[in-house]
Amino acid sequence: MNALGGEIVSVITHEEAMGAQNEYKDKIMHMCVALPGSSNIFMADAIEPFQHGTGVYLSLEFQSEAEGAKRS
């Protein structure tokens, strides 16, 4: 996280979130990273066959609709 100047806020494994007791139990399911300036990056894993072009979903959240419009 040094490159982004961020800090890991939370890490949840498949076992912690869903009680999974299989090969995915120790894999990270959700992770949240806090960035300077009150921004966060939330990451989530999906157990699906990977296909190019569907591996990344990006969601941006702003304090207001006006703030979002200003940055788009």
C-alpha atoms as a PDB file:
ATOM      1  CA  MET A   1       0.000   0.000   0.000  1.00  0.00           C
ATOM      2  CA  ASN A   2       3.022   2.266   0.127  1.00  0.00           C
ATOM      3  CA  ALA A   3       2.683   3.109  -3.574  1.00  0.00           C
ATOM      4  CA  LEU A   4      -0.821   4.493  -2.989  1.00  0.00           C
ATOM      5  CA  GLY A   5      -0.123   5.939   0.437  1.00  0.00           C
ATOM      6  CA  GLY A   6      -2.950   3.774   1.716  1.00  0.00           C
ATOM      7  CA  GLU A   7      -3.721   1.613   4.702  1.00  0.00           C
ATOM      8  CA  ILE A   8      -5.484  -1.761   4.773  1.00  0.00           C
ATOM      9  CA  VAL A   9      -8.668  -1.294   6.792  1.00  0.00           C
ATOM     10  CA  SER A  10     -10.155  -4.795   6.621  1.00  0.00           C
ATOM     11  CA  VAL A  11      -9.533  -8.235   5.150  1.00  0.00           C
ATOM     12  CA  ILE A  12     -12.195 -10.965   5.195  1.00  0.00           C
ATOM     13  CA  THR A  13     -11.611 -14.537   4.013  1.00  0.00           C
ATOM     14  CA  HIS A  14     -14.242 -16.853   2.523  1.00  0.00           C
ATOM     15  CA  GLU A  15     -14.232 -18.801   5.811  1.00  0.00           C
ATOM     16  CA  GLU A  16     -14.840 -15.671   7.899  1.00  0.00           C
ATOM     17  CA  ALA A  17     -17.615 -14.362   5.633  1.00  0.00           C
ATOM     18  CA  MET A  18     -19.441 -17.552   4.722  1.00  0.00           C
ATOM     19  CA  GLY A  19     -18.011 -20.296   6.917  1.00  0.00           C
ATOM     20  CA  ALA A  20     -16.496 -21.956   3.834  1.00  0.00           C
ATOM     21  CA  GLN A  21     -14.537 -25.099   4.606  1.00  0.00           C
ATOM     22  CA  ASN A  22     -13.097 -25.818   1.171  1.00  0.00           C
ATOM     23  CA  GLU A  23     -10.052 -24.846  -0.904  1.00  0.00           C
ATOM     24  CA  TYR A  24     -11.210 -21.199  -0.865  1.00  0.00           C
ATOM     25  CA  LYS A  25     -11.516 -20.858   2.921  1.00  0.00           C
ATOM     26  CA  ASP A  26      -8.182 -19.010   3.329  1.00  0.00           C
ATOM     27  CA  LYS A  27      -8.573 -16.897   0.165  1.00  0.00           C
ATOM     28  CA  ILE A  28      -9.439 -13.234   0.595  1.00  0.00           C
ATOM     29  CA  MET A  29     -13.070 -12.476  -0.251  1.00  0.00           C
ATOM     30  CA  HIS A  30     -13.296  -8.767   0.629  1.00  0.00           C
ATOM     31  CA  MET A  31     -10.667  -6.131   1.324  1.00  0.00           C
ATOM     32  CA  CYS A  32     -10.897  -2.410   1.993  1.00  0.00           C
ATOM     33  CA  VAL A  33      -8.009   0.046   1.596  1.00  0.00           C
ATOM     34  CA  ALA A  34      -8.218   3.640   2.853  1.00  0.00           C
ATOM     35  CA  LEU A  35      -6.408   6.208   0.706  1.00  0.00           C
ATOM     36  CA  PRO A  36      -5.352   9.741   1.596  1.00  0.00           C
ATOM     37  CA  GLY A  37      -8.103  12.312   1.090  1.00  0.00           C
ATOM     38  CA  SER A  38     -10.983  10.226   2.472  1.00  0.00           C
ATOM     39  CA  SER A  39     -11.065   7.803  -0.483  1.00  0.00           C
ATOM     40  CA  ASN A  40     -11.453   4.032  -0.170  1.00  0.00           C
ATOM     41  CA  ILE A  41     -10.878   1.114  -2.494  1.00  0.00           C
ATOM     42  CA  PHE A  42     -13.131  -1.879  -1.828  1.00  0.00           C
ATOM     43  CA  MET A  43     -12.120  -5.165  -3.434  1.00  0.00           C
ATOM     44  CA  ALA A  44     -14.179  -8.337  -3.704  1.00  0.00           C
ATOM     45  CA  ASP A  45     -13.416 -11.773  -5.087  1.00  0.00           C
ATOM     46  CA  ALA A  46     -15.837 -13.943  -7.026  1.00  0.00           C
ATOM     47  CA  ILE A  47     -15.474 -17.686  -7.432  1.00  0.00           C
ATOM     48  CA  GLU A  48     -16.367 -18.011 -11.075  1.00  0.00           C
ATOM     49  CA  PRO A  49     -14.516 -19.132 -14.161  1.00  0.00           C
ATOM     50  CA  PHE A  50     -12.414 -16.136 -15.198  1.00  0.00           C
ATOM     51  CA  GLN A  51     -13.028 -14.645 -18.631  1.00  0.00           C
ATOM     52  CA  HIS A  52     -10.976 -11.770 -20.020  1.00  0.00           C
ATOM     53  CA  GLY A  53     -12.865  -8.514 -19.768  1.00  0.00           C
ATOM     54  CA  THR A  54     -15.002  -9.547 -16.792  1.00  0.00           C
ATOM     55  CA  GLY A  55     -12.400  -9.705 -14.036  1.00  0.00           C
ATOM     56  CA  VAL A  56     -12.606  -6.119 -12.765  1.00  0.00           C
ATOM     57  CA  TYR A  57     -15.565  -4.120 -11.523  1.00  0.00           C
ATOM     58  CA  LEU A  58     -15.038  -0.522 -10.478  1.00  0.00           C
ATOM     59  CA  SER A  59     -17.386   1.453  -8.278  1.00  0.00           C
ATOM     60  CA  LEU A  60     -16.763   5.086  -7.343  1.00  0.00           C
ATOM     61  CA  GLU A  61     -18.508   6.846  -4.479  1.00  0.00           C
ATOM     62  CA  PHE A  62     -18.610  10.602  -3.948  1.00  0.00           C
ATOM     63  CA  GLN A  63     -19.881  12.808  -1.148  1.00  0.00           C
ATOM     64  CA  SER A  64     -22.566  14.247  -3.447  1.00  0.00           C
ATOM     65  CA  GLU A  65     -23.922  14.022  -6.995  1.00  0.00           C
ATOM     66  CA  ALA A  66     -22.305  17.405  -7.743  1.00  0.00           C
ATOM     67  CA  GLU A  67     -18.880  16.101  -6.632  1.00  0.00           C
ATOM     68  CA  GLY A  68     -19.252  13.049  -8.858  1.00  0.00           C
ATOM     69  CA  ALA A  69     -20.267  15.173 -11.857  1.00  0.00           C
ATOM     70  CA  LYS A  70     -17.278  17.444 -11.304  1.00  0.00           C
ATOM     71  CA  ARG A  71     -14.845  14.509 -11.424  1.00  0.00           C
ATOM     72  CA  SER A  72     -16.304  12.649 -14.404  1.00  0.00           C
END
